[in-house]
Amino acid sequence: SCYPPQSNICQLYASLYHQTFSARLRKIADFGLEDKDATFLLRWVNEYYPGIFQKPELSSEIDSAALGKLLPKELLEPLEEQYLSKQKTDLSDYMNQVLQLEDRKWSSGEEAKREDGCYTSPLAYDIIQGINGMVNAAEKVTGNRQKAQTITHQLPGFMTKYNQLQSVLQVNKQISHIKASLCCVEQFRDVLLGKNHLFPHEVKEECLVLLMDIELSAHSCLLIPIHKILKPQYKKLGTTDWLRKNGFEKLWRSLEVELLKFQDVPHLGRQELIGRLHQEVTEEYVRRLLRRDVKLKDPEQQQRASTVITQNAESLNTLFSRMGSKRDWLKEILIKIAEVLRLQDVPALQMHIASLGSAHPDLSEKHVVALLKLKTNISKMDRKKIITTFSDTMKETRAGGDARLFFFKVEI
């Protein structure tokens, strides 16, 4: 009340204090600072000092933006570079220590630990906690999120090393650790997709690709032995024996036994693993069917085959869904193939196959020819009409957001 409002006395005193304090800090910064002191100075410049002016009693009287930074750019940037360089080194050292600890467990032959009956690993959780804490701290110290994110540039290199060690596990058949790694993959993926503020875009994208490689490699290691076990049952699919005796039952029972072996895979990784097996079994089913070991000479045989395929599709979907697969769209592929075998009217076949191609744009002309040749009562002329309609439809079709690729893995 001693000063007229137009004098803006609070801003004046703040400006004088700012100039004095800034001059003192410049002398300190010019001196050359150890990492700890540089960090403390940066926190004053970017966190503590701005925080003072955010208090209600000051923010209404003082324009802190007009005061500017306590240190000029030429002094501030070297300090930030020094700090960020130290954080990058610390994070890299920390991640390597976590990985080395896991590697020692693997090398000793120690089995992965279990939680709630599932194999698990602390690796991803420890790395995520380290990154989260260091990036959030760096954002406060530098006052800049993008600068803070740069310390995570070490993460793709870490994941590459992790992938290499996973390859050794797979060669040595250390199944418990391979199963535990699927939980790590999902934990890493969740944080990369859910906490964008921690990572630059290019780091996130590179890590997601590496995680996909790790996951697919682990899946292959776990699933290839199962396909070898199922091979005798696969051979019966699409044969006369399969059509007459429905030899599918043995395949179904073998699958149920093998799927139970994945109950010790953590839930986060089990869904994708079982979903992939669901898809690979369906691919093998279609592949065997299109080999044309069975000839369907009349509508009655074709109806029988259609019924068998529909029943098989329902049985597979029920089993895999019960075990955790979410890929129920695979059932629809088999049901649509069954419908091709059931239909006898050429225009209906033209429409149905065109619809199948629209839903799955990787369906090729070779696939359609192989499918139609199962119906030996279709004339060459009618088959050509259906193929022409399919080809014309596919030329005009663009893959929509709900289109799913499936047939490119079904070799003819």
Foldseek 3Di string as FASTA:
>chain_A
DPDDPVVLVLQVVVLVVLVVQLVVLVVVLVVDDDLVVLLVSLLCFQPVVVVVCPPPVRVVRYDVVVSPTSYDPVSLVVSLVSNLVVLLVVLLVQLVVLVVVVLVCVVVVHFADADPLAGADCNLVSSVVSLVVQLVSSCSSNVDLVSSLVSCPCVLVSLVVVLVSLVVCLVVVSLSVLLRVLVSLLSVLCCLVPPVSNHDPVSSVSVNVSSVVSLVVSLCSLCVVLCVVLVVLLLCAQAPCCLPVVSCVVSLVSVLVSLVVSPRRPLSRQQVSLQVVLQVVLLSNLLNNLVLNDAQEDLVSLLSVLVSLLVSLVSSLVSSVVSRYPPNVSSVLSNLLSVLSNDDDLVVNLVSLLVVCLQAVVDDLSSLVSSVRSHVNDDPVSSVVSSVSNVVSSVPHDHDPNRDHRCVPNDD
